[in-house]
Amino acid sequence: MDRILLVDDEPSIQLTLGDALADEGYEVAIAGTIEKARQTAALLPPTLVLCDLRLPDGSGIELLQEIKTRTPEIPVIMLTGYGTVESAVDAMKAGADEYLTKPYEQKHLLAVVKRSLELVRLRRRVDELEATVDRPIGQAPSFLRALELASAAARSECTVLLLGDTGTGKEVFAQYVHRASKRARQPFIAVNCAALPENLLESELFGHEKGAFTGAIRQRRGRFEDAHRGTLLLDEIAEMSPPLQAKLLRVLEEQVFERLGSNRPISVDVRIIAATRRNLEQEVAAGRFRDDLYFRLRVVPITIPPLRERPGDVALLVQHFVRLVERESGRRLDLAPETIDRLSRHPWRGNVRELGHLIRRLAVVAPEALITPAQLPDEYGEAHMAASADEAIVPEGTLAEILSGYERTVLLSALERFDGHRGHMADALGISRKNLWEKLRGHGLS
């Protein structure tokens, strides 16, 4: 049952409006002062608030601001017998959802209440649906550990560092952290640091003033301003130049920056999530990444395992992508069990992104709804898989990155095999516990 808090010091309003709301099936709590309203809301959290503009112990605007600061999702309808344009503007600026002047038509007020509550329910439903879209999907132990870390990070304001190969779903994890956090109703902005040259990336992030550089014909807000009170994902953070790294460090430490061509400081409240496919410890050792920024970013490091290390998740992901494709195209698609088995044995160098692209490709080119192994593209056939097994596939990257990737794979396998028991892992790998701990920490697995 929806609970309505009526805040008004007039006994006649308390009686008539309170009874009318109760007759509509609402639970009604009544307060005649701001202080009483605070106490009532603390004991019986309301679904909606009706508040008079003038109260014995202060302005209803004060209570409105308190409610919107603590619980912005609760609609507040302001009531007043002193209606002016100025008071209406003040109330709406403070966050009021509706503004009604006395004497009001009771039927109209009840309709406004009903509409506001329906909007609350609609928003909740949208939030529930959004929570299921692009949620990280998997059940492998290594994946669930990453998801558990992401859930814990969402409950805090800590900076998050997402580590993983290209296509593993780092942006999906970032969106999950954002949507599960208290910033969920605020913007989520993603910037790929590798997609722009240094001068354009600086303008993209921090904005610029008119005339700041050739071609700057008008003032432009940066992504930090766009993400105010929300979350900013800095993807491929390792590709950021040292000068920009220094500027980013200042924003992280002070929550202040200046647009290009300006000395005016701009304050922002932004939660930073960084992501990279590179080993940042190696980048720091090579002098390509600032160590102070690295430690500032890796408050909560989360390593997302590649799809080749969790073949049991392929069937779940196939089901997810099939549902998406069916919703987008209206075409039914079904993969035979032997087809899913074939895909589960594929090396997936492009990870989850590659699998998603394959399902969309099949929806376009497959002649029938049921996809058999024979309908898979050649690169997913038995002949290609056999050739891949016979010929060593040299991964992309430097030798150090390749060896680091293999080491991480071995460590993940040992973690699952020995259920995280460090002593058994160290014995099996033939290294000391101290060395094992250092390697786990280096790969973000500690």
Protein backbone atom coordinates (compact mmCIF):
# COMPACT_ATOMS: atom_id res chain seq x y z
CA MET A 1 0.00 0.00 0.00
CA ASP A 2 1.27 3.47 -0.89
CA ARG A 3 1.93 5.68 2.13
CA ILE A 4 1.36 9.43 1.80
CA LEU A 5 2.83 11.96 4.22
CA LEU A 6 0.59 15.04 4.47
CA VAL A 7 2.44 18.03 5.95
CA ASP A 8 0.01 20.89 6.72
CA ASP A 9 -0.79 22.81 9.91
CA GLU A 10 -4.43 23.54 9.05
CA PRO A 11 -6.75 21.11 10.92
CA SER A 12 -9.41 21.38 8.20
CA ILE A 13 -6.91 20.33 5.51
CA GLN A 14 -5.62 17.50 7.70
CA LEU A 15 -9.17 16.21 8.17
CA THR A 16 -10.71 16.62 4.70
CA LEU A 17 -7.67 15.77 2.60
CA GLY A 18 -6.57 13.02 4.97
CA ASP A 19 -9.99 11.35 4.73
CA ALA A 20 -10.12 11.75 0.94
CA LEU A 21 -6.71 10.08 0.55
CA ALA A 22 -7.70 7.26 2.92
CA ASP A 23 -10.91 6.72 0.92
CA GLU A 24 -8.73 6.22 -2.17
CA GLY A 25 -6.96 3.36 -0.40
CA TYR A 26 -3.80 5.17 0.66
CA GLU A 27 -2.18 4.90 4.07
CA VAL A 28 -1.97 8.47 5.39
CA ALA A 29 0.48 9.94 7.91
CA ILE A 30 -0.10 13.55 9.04
CA ALA A 31 2.37 16.13 10.37
CA GLY A 32 1.75 19.78 11.23
CA THR A 33 5.38 20.93 11.40
CA ILE A 34 8.69 20.30 9.63
CA GLU A 35 10.13 18.62 12.73
CA LYS A 36 7.12 16.32 13.08
CA ALA A 37 7.38 15.49 9.36
CA ARG A 38 11.04 14.52 9.80
CA GLN A 39 10.19 12.21 12.69
CA THR A 40 7.25 10.64 10.85
CA ALA A 41 9.24 10.08 7.65
CA ALA A 42 12.01 8.41 9.65
CA LEU A 43 9.56 5.99 11.28
CA LEU A 44 7.21 5.49 8.32
CA PRO A 45 9.04 6.20 5.03
CA PRO A 46 6.48 7.71 2.62
CA THR A 47 5.85 6.86 -1.02
CA LEU A 48 4.74 10.44 -1.72
CA VAL A 49 4.71 13.73 0.21
CA LEU A 50 2.10 16.52 0.14
CA CYS A 51 3.64 19.59 1.77
CA ASP A 52 2.35 23.07 2.54
CA LEU A 53 4.65 25.92 1.54
CA ARG A 54 4.29 27.79 4.86
CA LEU A 55 4.61 25.88 8.14
CA PRO A 56 4.86 27.07 11.78
CA ASP A 57 8.56 26.20 12.11
CA GLY A 58 9.80 27.17 8.65
CA SER A 59 9.33 26.96 4.90
CA GLY A 60 8.12 23.81 3.20
CA ILE A 61 10.92 24.41 0.67
CA GLU A 62 13.36 23.44 3.42
CA LEU A 63 11.64 20.08 3.93
CA LEU A 64 11.36 19.59 0.16
CA GLN A 65 15.12 20.04 -0.24
CA GLU A 66 15.85 17.59 2.58
CA ILE A 67 13.61 14.94 1.06
CA LYS A 68 15.05 15.34 -2.43
CA THR A 69 18.60 15.19 -1.10
CA ARG A 70 18.04 11.95 0.83
CA THR A 71 15.44 10.21 -1.36
CA PRO A 72 15.18 11.93 -4.76
CA GLU A 73 12.85 9.22 -6.09
CA ILE A 74 10.01 10.25 -3.71
CA PRO A 75 7.60 12.69 -5.43
CA VAL A 76 6.79 15.86 -3.47
CA ILE A 77 3.69 17.93 -4.26
CA MET A 78 3.77 21.46 -2.81
CA LEU A 79 0.53 23.10 -1.59
CA THR A 80 0.08 26.78 -0.81
CA GLY A 81 -2.55 29.39 -0.19
CA TYR A 82 -0.07 32.13 -1.15
CA GLY A 83 0.47 31.22 -4.79
CA THR A 84 2.81 33.49 -6.71
CA VAL A 85 4.96 32.94 -9.76
CA GLU A 86 8.06 33.40 -7.61
CA SER A 87 7.05 30.77 -5.05
CA ALA A 88 6.16 28.31 -7.80
CA VAL A 89 9.54 28.83 -9.48
CA ASP A 90 11.35 28.41 -6.15
CA ALA A 91 9.50 25.17 -5.43
CA MET A 92 10.17 23.68 -8.86
CA LYS A 93 13.84 24.68 -8.69
CA ALA A 94 14.10 22.91 -5.33
CA GLY A 95 12.79 19.73 -6.91
CA ALA A 96 9.01 19.80 -6.42
CA ASP A 97 7.18 17.42 -8.74
CA GLU A 98 3.93 19.41 -8.69
CA TYR A 99 2.74 22.78 -7.32
CA LEU A 100 -0.94 23.36 -6.40
CA THR A 101 -2.56 26.49 -4.98
CA LYS A 102 -5.35 26.56 -2.42
CA PRO A 103 -8.23 26.32 -2.74
CA TYR A 104 -7.67 23.36 -5.04
CA GLU A 105 -10.24 21.03 -6.51
CA GLN A 106 -9.99 17.83 -4.48
CA LYS A 107 -10.67 15.66 -7.53
CA HIS A 108 -7.78 17.31 -9.38
CA LEU A 109 -5.40 16.87 -6.42
CA LEU A 110 -6.26 13.17 -6.16
CA ALA A 111 -5.61 12.79 -9.89
CA VAL A 112 -2.20 14.46 -9.49
CA VAL A 113 -1.37 12.11 -6.61
CA LYS A 114 -2.41 9.07 -8.64
CA ARG A 115 -0.39 10.19 -11.67
CA SER A 116 2.71 10.85 -9.54
CA LEU A 117 2.52 7.40 -7.92
CA GLU A 118 2.06 5.73 -11.31
CA LEU A 119 5.20 7.51 -12.48
CA VAL A 120 7.08 6.18 -9.44
CA ARG A 121 6.01 2.63 -10.27
CA LEU A 122 6.97 3.11 -13.90
CA ARG A 123 10.44 4.35 -12.93
CA ARG A 124 10.92 1.37 -10.64
CA ARG A 125 9.93 -0.98 -13.44
CA VAL A 126 12.36 0.73 -15.82
CA ASP A 127 15.10 0.39 -13.21
CA GLU A 128 14.33 -3.32 -12.84
CA LEU A 129 14.46 -3.83 -16.60
CA GLU A 130 17.67 -1.82 -16.94
CA ALA A 131 19.26 -3.92 -14.22
CA THR A 132 18.81 -7.01 -16.40
CA VAL A 133 20.16 -5.40 -19.58
CA ASP A 134 23.88 -5.78 -20.13
CA ARG A 135 24.30 -7.39 -16.74
CA PRO A 136 27.52 -9.40 -16.70
CA ILE A 137 26.60 -13.00 -17.48
CA GLY A 138 28.51 -16.04 -16.29
CA GLN A 139 28.83 -18.67 -13.58
CA ALA A 140 32.49 -19.71 -13.70
CA PRO A 141 34.14 -19.29 -10.26
CA SER A 142 36.67 -16.76 -11.58
CA PHE A 143 33.86 -14.75 -13.19
CA LEU A 144 31.70 -14.84 -10.07
CA ARG A 145 34.63 -13.55 -8.01
CA ALA A 146 34.91 -10.59 -10.39
CA LEU A 147 31.15 -9.99 -10.19
CA GLU A 148 31.22 -10.12 -6.40
CA LEU A 149 33.99 -7.50 -6.37
CA ALA A 150 31.96 -5.33 -8.74
CA SER A 151 28.92 -5.56 -6.46
CA ALA A 152 31.03 -4.59 -3.45
CA ALA A 153 32.56 -1.68 -5.38
CA ALA A 154 29.09 -0.43 -6.34
CA ARG A 155 28.22 0.01 -2.67
CA SER A 156 31.17 2.36 -2.22
CA GLU A 157 32.50 5.48 -3.90
CA CYS A 158 35.93 3.94 -4.57
CA THR A 159 37.72 4.23 -7.88
CA VAL A 160 37.57 0.95 -9.82
CA LEU A 161 40.18 -0.46 -12.20
CA LEU A 162 38.85 -3.05 -14.67
CA LEU A 163 41.47 -5.36 -16.16
CA GLY A 164 40.95 -7.83 -18.99
CA ASP A 165 41.51 -8.70 -22.61
CA THR A 166 39.73 -6.85 -25.40
CA GLY A 167 36.10 -7.93 -25.66
CA THR A 168 35.78 -9.45 -22.18
CA GLY A 169 33.03 -6.98 -21.21
CA LYS A 170 34.82 -4.28 -19.24
CA GLU A 171 32.25 -1.64 -20.22
CA VAL A 172 29.41 -4.00 -19.25
CA PHE A 173 31.03 -4.39 -15.82
CA ALA A 174 31.41 -0.60 -15.55
CA GLN A 175 27.71 -0.11 -16.35
CA TYR A 176 26.82 -2.77 -13.79
CA VAL A 177 28.81 -0.96 -11.09
CA HIS A 178 27.12 2.32 -12.03
CA ARG A 179 23.57 0.93 -12.08
CA ALA A 180 24.04 -0.84 -8.76
CA SER A 181 25.40 2.32 -7.10
CA LYS A 182 23.64 5.31 -5.58
CA ARG A 183 24.61 7.24 -8.74
CA ALA A 184 22.38 5.00 -10.91
CA ARG A 185 19.96 7.80 -11.83
CA GLN A 186 22.81 10.09 -12.90
CA PRO A 187 24.77 9.98 -16.19
CA PHE A 188 27.07 7.15 -17.21
CA ILE A 189 29.64 8.45 -19.71
CA ALA A 190 32.22 6.26 -21.49
CA VAL A 191 35.34 7.63 -23.19
CA ASN A 192 37.79 5.50 -25.17
CA CYS A 193 41.20 7.04 -24.51
CA ALA A 194 42.73 5.16 -27.46
CA ALA A 195 40.24 6.51 -29.99
CA LEU A 196 41.40 10.14 -29.99
CA PRO A 197 44.77 11.90 -30.36
CA GLU A 198 46.11 13.65 -27.26
CA ASN A 199 44.92 17.18 -28.08
CA LEU A 200 41.39 16.04 -28.94
CA LEU A 201 41.20 13.73 -25.93
CA GLU A 202 42.04 16.61 -23.59
CA SER A 203 39.24 18.70 -25.09
CA GLU A 204 36.88 15.70 -24.99
CA LEU A 205 37.50 15.17 -21.28
CA PHE A 206 37.82 18.72 -19.97
CA GLY A 207 36.07 20.85 -22.60
CA HIS A 208 37.32 24.11 -24.07
CA GLU A 209 36.53 27.80 -24.35
CA LYS A 210 35.83 29.59 -27.61
CA GLY A 211 39.15 30.39 -29.31
CA ALA A 212 41.17 28.00 -27.12
CA PHE A 213 42.72 26.53 -30.28
CA THR A 214 42.27 26.64 -34.04
CA GLY A 215 38.79 25.42 -34.84
CA ALA A 216 37.35 26.09 -31.37
CA ILE A 217 34.54 28.29 -32.67
CA ARG A 218 32.35 27.90 -29.58
CA GLN A 219 32.55 26.90 -25.93
CA ARG A 220 32.23 23.15 -25.31
CA ARG A 221 31.57 21.18 -22.14
CA GLY A 222 33.82 18.22 -21.47
CA ARG A 223 32.87 14.71 -20.46
CA PHE A 224 33.75 15.37 -16.83
CA GLU A 225 31.04 18.03 -16.73
CA ASP A 226 28.60 15.76 -18.57
CA ALA A 227 29.22 13.03 -15.96
CA HIS A 228 28.68 15.34 -12.96
CA ARG A 229 27.18 13.34 -10.05
CA GLY A 230 27.44 10.21 -12.18
CA THR A 231 30.13 7.84 -13.43
CA LEU A 232 32.87 8.35 -16.01
CA LEU A 233 34.45 5.28 -17.62
CA LEU A 234 37.95 5.89 -18.99
CA ASP A 235 38.48 2.92 -21.28
CA GLU A 236 42.00 2.00 -22.45
CA ILE A 237 43.46 4.28 -19.77
CA ALA A 238 46.98 2.98 -20.50
CA GLU A 239 46.94 4.83 -23.84
CA MET A 240 46.64 8.23 -22.12
CA SER A 241 49.69 10.49 -22.48
CA PRO A 242 51.75 11.48 -19.39
CA PRO A 243 50.59 15.15 -19.45
CA LEU A 244 46.95 14.04 -19.49
CA GLN A 245 47.68 11.50 -16.76
CA ALA A 246 48.90 14.36 -14.56
CA LYS A 247 45.74 16.36 -15.24
CA LEU A 248 43.57 13.32 -14.49
CA LEU A 249 45.41 12.75 -11.21
CA ARG A 250 44.54 16.28 -10.10
CA VAL A 251 40.84 15.71 -10.83
CA LEU A 252 40.91 12.48 -8.85
CA GLU A 253 42.55 14.16 -5.88
CA GLU A 254 40.78 17.54 -5.90
CA GLN A 255 37.64 17.03 -8.05
CA VAL A 256 38.58 20.25 -9.85
CA PHE A 257 39.76 21.06 -13.39
CA GLU A 258 39.82 23.88 -15.95
CA ARG A 259 38.61 23.87 -19.53
CA LEU A 260 41.20 24.40 -22.25
CA GLY A 261 41.72 28.14 -22.66
CA SER A 262 40.40 29.00 -19.20
CA ASN A 263 41.80 29.51 -15.71
CA ARG A 264 38.40 29.22 -14.03
CA PRO A 265 38.27 26.09 -11.84
CA ILE A 266 35.25 23.84 -12.28
CA SER A 267 34.26 21.52 -9.44
CA VAL A 268 32.79 18.13 -10.27
CA ASP A 269 31.48 15.13 -8.38
CA VAL A 270 32.38 12.15 -10.58
CA ARG A 271 33.03 8.50 -9.84
CA ILE A 272 35.90 7.23 -12.02
CA ILE A 273 36.08 3.72 -13.44
CA ALA A 274 39.20 3.00 -15.49
CA ALA A 275 39.70 0.04 -17.81
CA THR A 276 42.63 -1.40 -19.73
CA ARG A 277 43.78 -4.53 -21.55
CA ARG A 278 47.40 -3.85 -20.62
CA ASN A 279 49.39 -4.83 -17.53
CA LEU A 280 49.63 -1.46 -15.78
CA GLU A 281 52.39 -2.60 -13.42
CA GLN A 282 54.57 -3.26 -16.46
CA GLU A 283 53.55 0.09 -17.95
CA VAL A 284 54.61 1.80 -14.72
CA ALA A 285 57.93 -0.08 -14.67
CA ALA A 286 58.56 0.98 -18.28
CA GLY A 287 57.89 4.63 -17.41
CA ARG A 288 54.82 4.91 -19.63
CA PHE A 289 52.30 5.24 -16.80
CA ARG A 290 52.50 7.31 -13.62
CA ASP A 291 52.83 5.20 -10.50
CA ASP A 292 50.89 7.70 -8.36
CA LEU A 293 47.97 7.60 -10.81
CA TYR A 294 48.17 3.79 -10.96
CA PHE A 295 47.82 3.45 -7.19
CA ARG A 296 45.06 6.07 -7.17
CA LEU A 297 43.10 4.09 -9.77
CA ARG A 298 43.55 0.55 -8.43
CA VAL A 299 41.62 1.03 -5.19
CA VAL A 300 39.38 -1.82 -6.30
CA PRO A 301 41.06 -3.80 -9.12
CA ILE A 302 38.78 -6.28 -10.89
CA THR A 303 40.18 -8.78 -13.39
CA ILE A 304 37.61 -10.09 -15.88
CA PRO A 305 38.57 -13.57 -17.12
CA PRO A 306 38.64 -14.18 -20.89
CA LEU A 307 35.96 -16.39 -22.40
CA ARG A 308 38.46 -19.15 -23.28
CA GLU A 309 38.99 -19.67 -19.53
CA ARG A 310 35.27 -20.17 -18.86
CA PRO A 311 33.88 -22.35 -21.67
CA GLY A 312 30.96 -23.35 -19.47
CA ASP A 313 29.62 -19.79 -19.79
CA VAL A 314 29.33 -19.95 -23.59
CA ALA A 315 25.85 -21.55 -23.46
CA LEU A 316 24.59 -18.83 -21.08
CA LEU A 317 25.96 -16.08 -23.29
CA VAL A 318 24.53 -17.66 -26.44
CA GLN A 319 21.09 -17.69 -24.79
CA HIS A 320 21.50 -14.03 -23.81
CA PHE A 321 22.56 -12.88 -27.29
CA VAL A 322 19.83 -14.94 -28.98
CA ARG A 323 17.20 -13.15 -26.86
CA LEU A 324 18.69 -9.77 -27.77
CA VAL A 325 18.76 -10.59 -31.48
CA GLU A 326 15.18 -11.89 -31.41
CA ARG A 327 14.04 -8.68 -29.72
CA GLU A 328 15.95 -6.48 -32.19
CA SER A 329 15.12 -8.30 -35.43
CA GLY A 330 11.91 -10.15 -34.61
CA ARG A 331 13.47 -13.31 -36.06
CA ARG A 332 13.47 -16.54 -34.07
CA LEU A 333 16.87 -18.19 -33.63
CA ASP A 334 17.82 -21.47 -31.98
CA LEU A 335 21.21 -23.19 -31.73
CA ALA A 336 21.35 -26.98 -31.72
CA PRO A 337 23.09 -28.56 -28.67
CA GLU A 338 25.97 -29.79 -30.86
CA THR A 339 26.40 -26.24 -32.17
CA ILE A 340 26.74 -24.87 -28.65
CA ASP A 341 29.19 -27.68 -27.86
CA ARG A 342 31.28 -26.66 -30.88
CA LEU A 343 31.25 -23.01 -29.80
CA SER A 344 32.24 -23.99 -26.24
CA ARG A 345 35.46 -25.46 -27.63
CA HIS A 346 36.33 -22.39 -29.71
CA PRO A 347 39.33 -20.33 -28.41
CA TRP A 348 37.41 -17.00 -28.57
CA ARG A 349 40.31 -14.64 -29.13
CA GLY A 350 37.73 -11.85 -29.44
CA ASN A 351 36.01 -12.97 -26.23
CA VAL A 352 32.37 -12.13 -25.45
CA ARG A 353 32.26 -9.42 -28.12
CA GLU A 354 33.21 -11.96 -30.80
CA LEU A 355 30.45 -14.31 -29.64
CA GLY A 356 27.86 -11.53 -29.74
CA HIS A 357 28.91 -10.57 -33.28
CA LEU A 358 28.66 -14.21 -34.37
CA ILE A 359 25.08 -14.56 -33.11
CA ARG A 360 24.05 -11.36 -34.92
CA ARG A 361 25.78 -12.60 -38.07
CA LEU A 362 23.90 -15.90 -37.89
CA ALA A 363 20.59 -14.06 -37.50
CA VAL A 364 21.27 -12.32 -40.82
CA VAL A 365 22.77 -15.06 -42.98
CA ALA A 366 21.42 -18.37 -41.60
CA PRO A 367 18.67 -19.74 -43.89
CA GLU A 368 16.79 -21.48 -41.06
CA ALA A 369 15.98 -20.72 -37.43
CA LEU A 370 17.77 -23.85 -36.15
CA ILE A 371 21.54 -23.38 -36.39
CA THR A 372 23.45 -26.63 -36.87
CA PRO A 373 27.27 -26.94 -36.81
CA ALA A 374 27.25 -27.10 -40.61
CA GLN A 375 25.81 -23.57 -40.76
CA LEU A 376 28.60 -22.03 -38.70
CA PRO A 377 31.15 -19.89 -40.57
CA ASP A 378 34.34 -21.72 -41.60
CA GLU A 379 36.41 -20.21 -38.79
CA TYR A 380 34.17 -21.98 -36.27
CA GLY A 381 34.26 -25.37 -38.02
CA GLU A 382 36.07 -28.56 -36.96
CA ALA A 383 38.72 -28.19 -39.68
CA HIS A 384 39.69 -24.74 -38.49
CA MET A 385 39.79 -25.86 -34.84
CA ALA A 386 41.99 -28.84 -35.74
CA ALA A 387 44.36 -26.60 -37.69
CA SER A 388 44.49 -24.21 -34.75
CA ALA A 389 45.42 -27.09 -32.46
CA ASP A 390 48.20 -28.27 -34.81
CA GLU A 391 49.65 -24.81 -35.40
CA ALA A 392 50.75 -22.72 -32.47
CA ILE A 393 48.83 -19.46 -32.46
CA VAL A 394 51.08 -16.62 -31.40
CA PRO A 395 49.05 -14.12 -29.37
CA GLU A 396 49.28 -10.42 -30.11
CA GLY A 397 51.40 -8.18 -27.91
CA THR A 398 54.94 -7.96 -26.60
CA LEU A 399 56.73 -11.02 -25.26
CA ALA A 400 56.31 -9.69 -21.71
CA GLU A 401 52.55 -9.27 -22.23
CA ILE A 402 52.21 -12.75 -23.75
CA LEU A 403 54.14 -14.41 -20.91
CA SER A 404 52.16 -12.41 -18.37
CA GLY A 405 48.93 -13.64 -19.97
CA TYR A 406 50.03 -17.27 -19.77
CA GLU A 407 51.12 -16.81 -16.15
CA ARG A 408 47.75 -15.33 -15.27
CA THR A 409 45.97 -18.26 -16.96
CA VAL A 410 48.01 -20.73 -14.88
CA LEU A 411 47.24 -18.82 -11.68
CA LEU A 412 43.50 -18.74 -12.44
CA SER A 413 43.53 -22.47 -13.13
CA ALA A 414 45.32 -23.10 -9.84
CA LEU A 415 42.87 -20.88 -7.94
CA GLU A 416 39.95 -22.94 -9.21
CA ARG A 417 41.72 -26.29 -8.81
CA PHE A 418 42.67 -25.69 -5.17
CA ASP A 419 39.65 -23.51 -4.32
CA GLY A 420 41.91 -20.57 -3.47
CA HIS A 421 44.08 -22.47 -0.93
CA ARG A 422 47.38 -20.57 -1.16
CA GLY A 423 49.54 -23.27 0.46
CA HIS A 424 48.39 -26.01 -1.92
CA MET A 425 48.76 -23.65 -4.88
CA ALA A 426 52.34 -22.72 -3.96
CA ASP A 427 53.30 -26.38 -3.52
CA ALA A 428 51.81 -27.40 -6.85
CA LEU A 429 53.45 -24.50 -8.71
CA GLY A 430 56.81 -25.01 -6.99
CA ILE A 431 57.11 -21.46 -5.66
CA SER A 432 57.10 -19.88 -2.22
CA ARG A 433 53.90 -18.49 -0.70
CA LYS A 434 55.44 -15.01 -0.74
CA ASN A 435 56.22 -15.32 -4.45
CA LEU A 436 52.72 -16.64 -5.10
CA TRP A 437 51.13 -13.74 -3.23
CA GLU A 438 53.20 -11.22 -5.23
CA LYS A 439 52.18 -12.84 -8.52
CA LEU A 440 48.51 -12.91 -7.54
CA ARG A 441 48.67 -9.26 -6.51
CA GLY A 442 50.43 -8.34 -9.75
CA HIS A 443 47.60 -9.88 -11.79
CA GLY A 444 44.85 -8.37 -9.62
CA LEU A 445 43.86 -11.80 -8.27
CA SER A 446 44.70 -11.32 -4.60
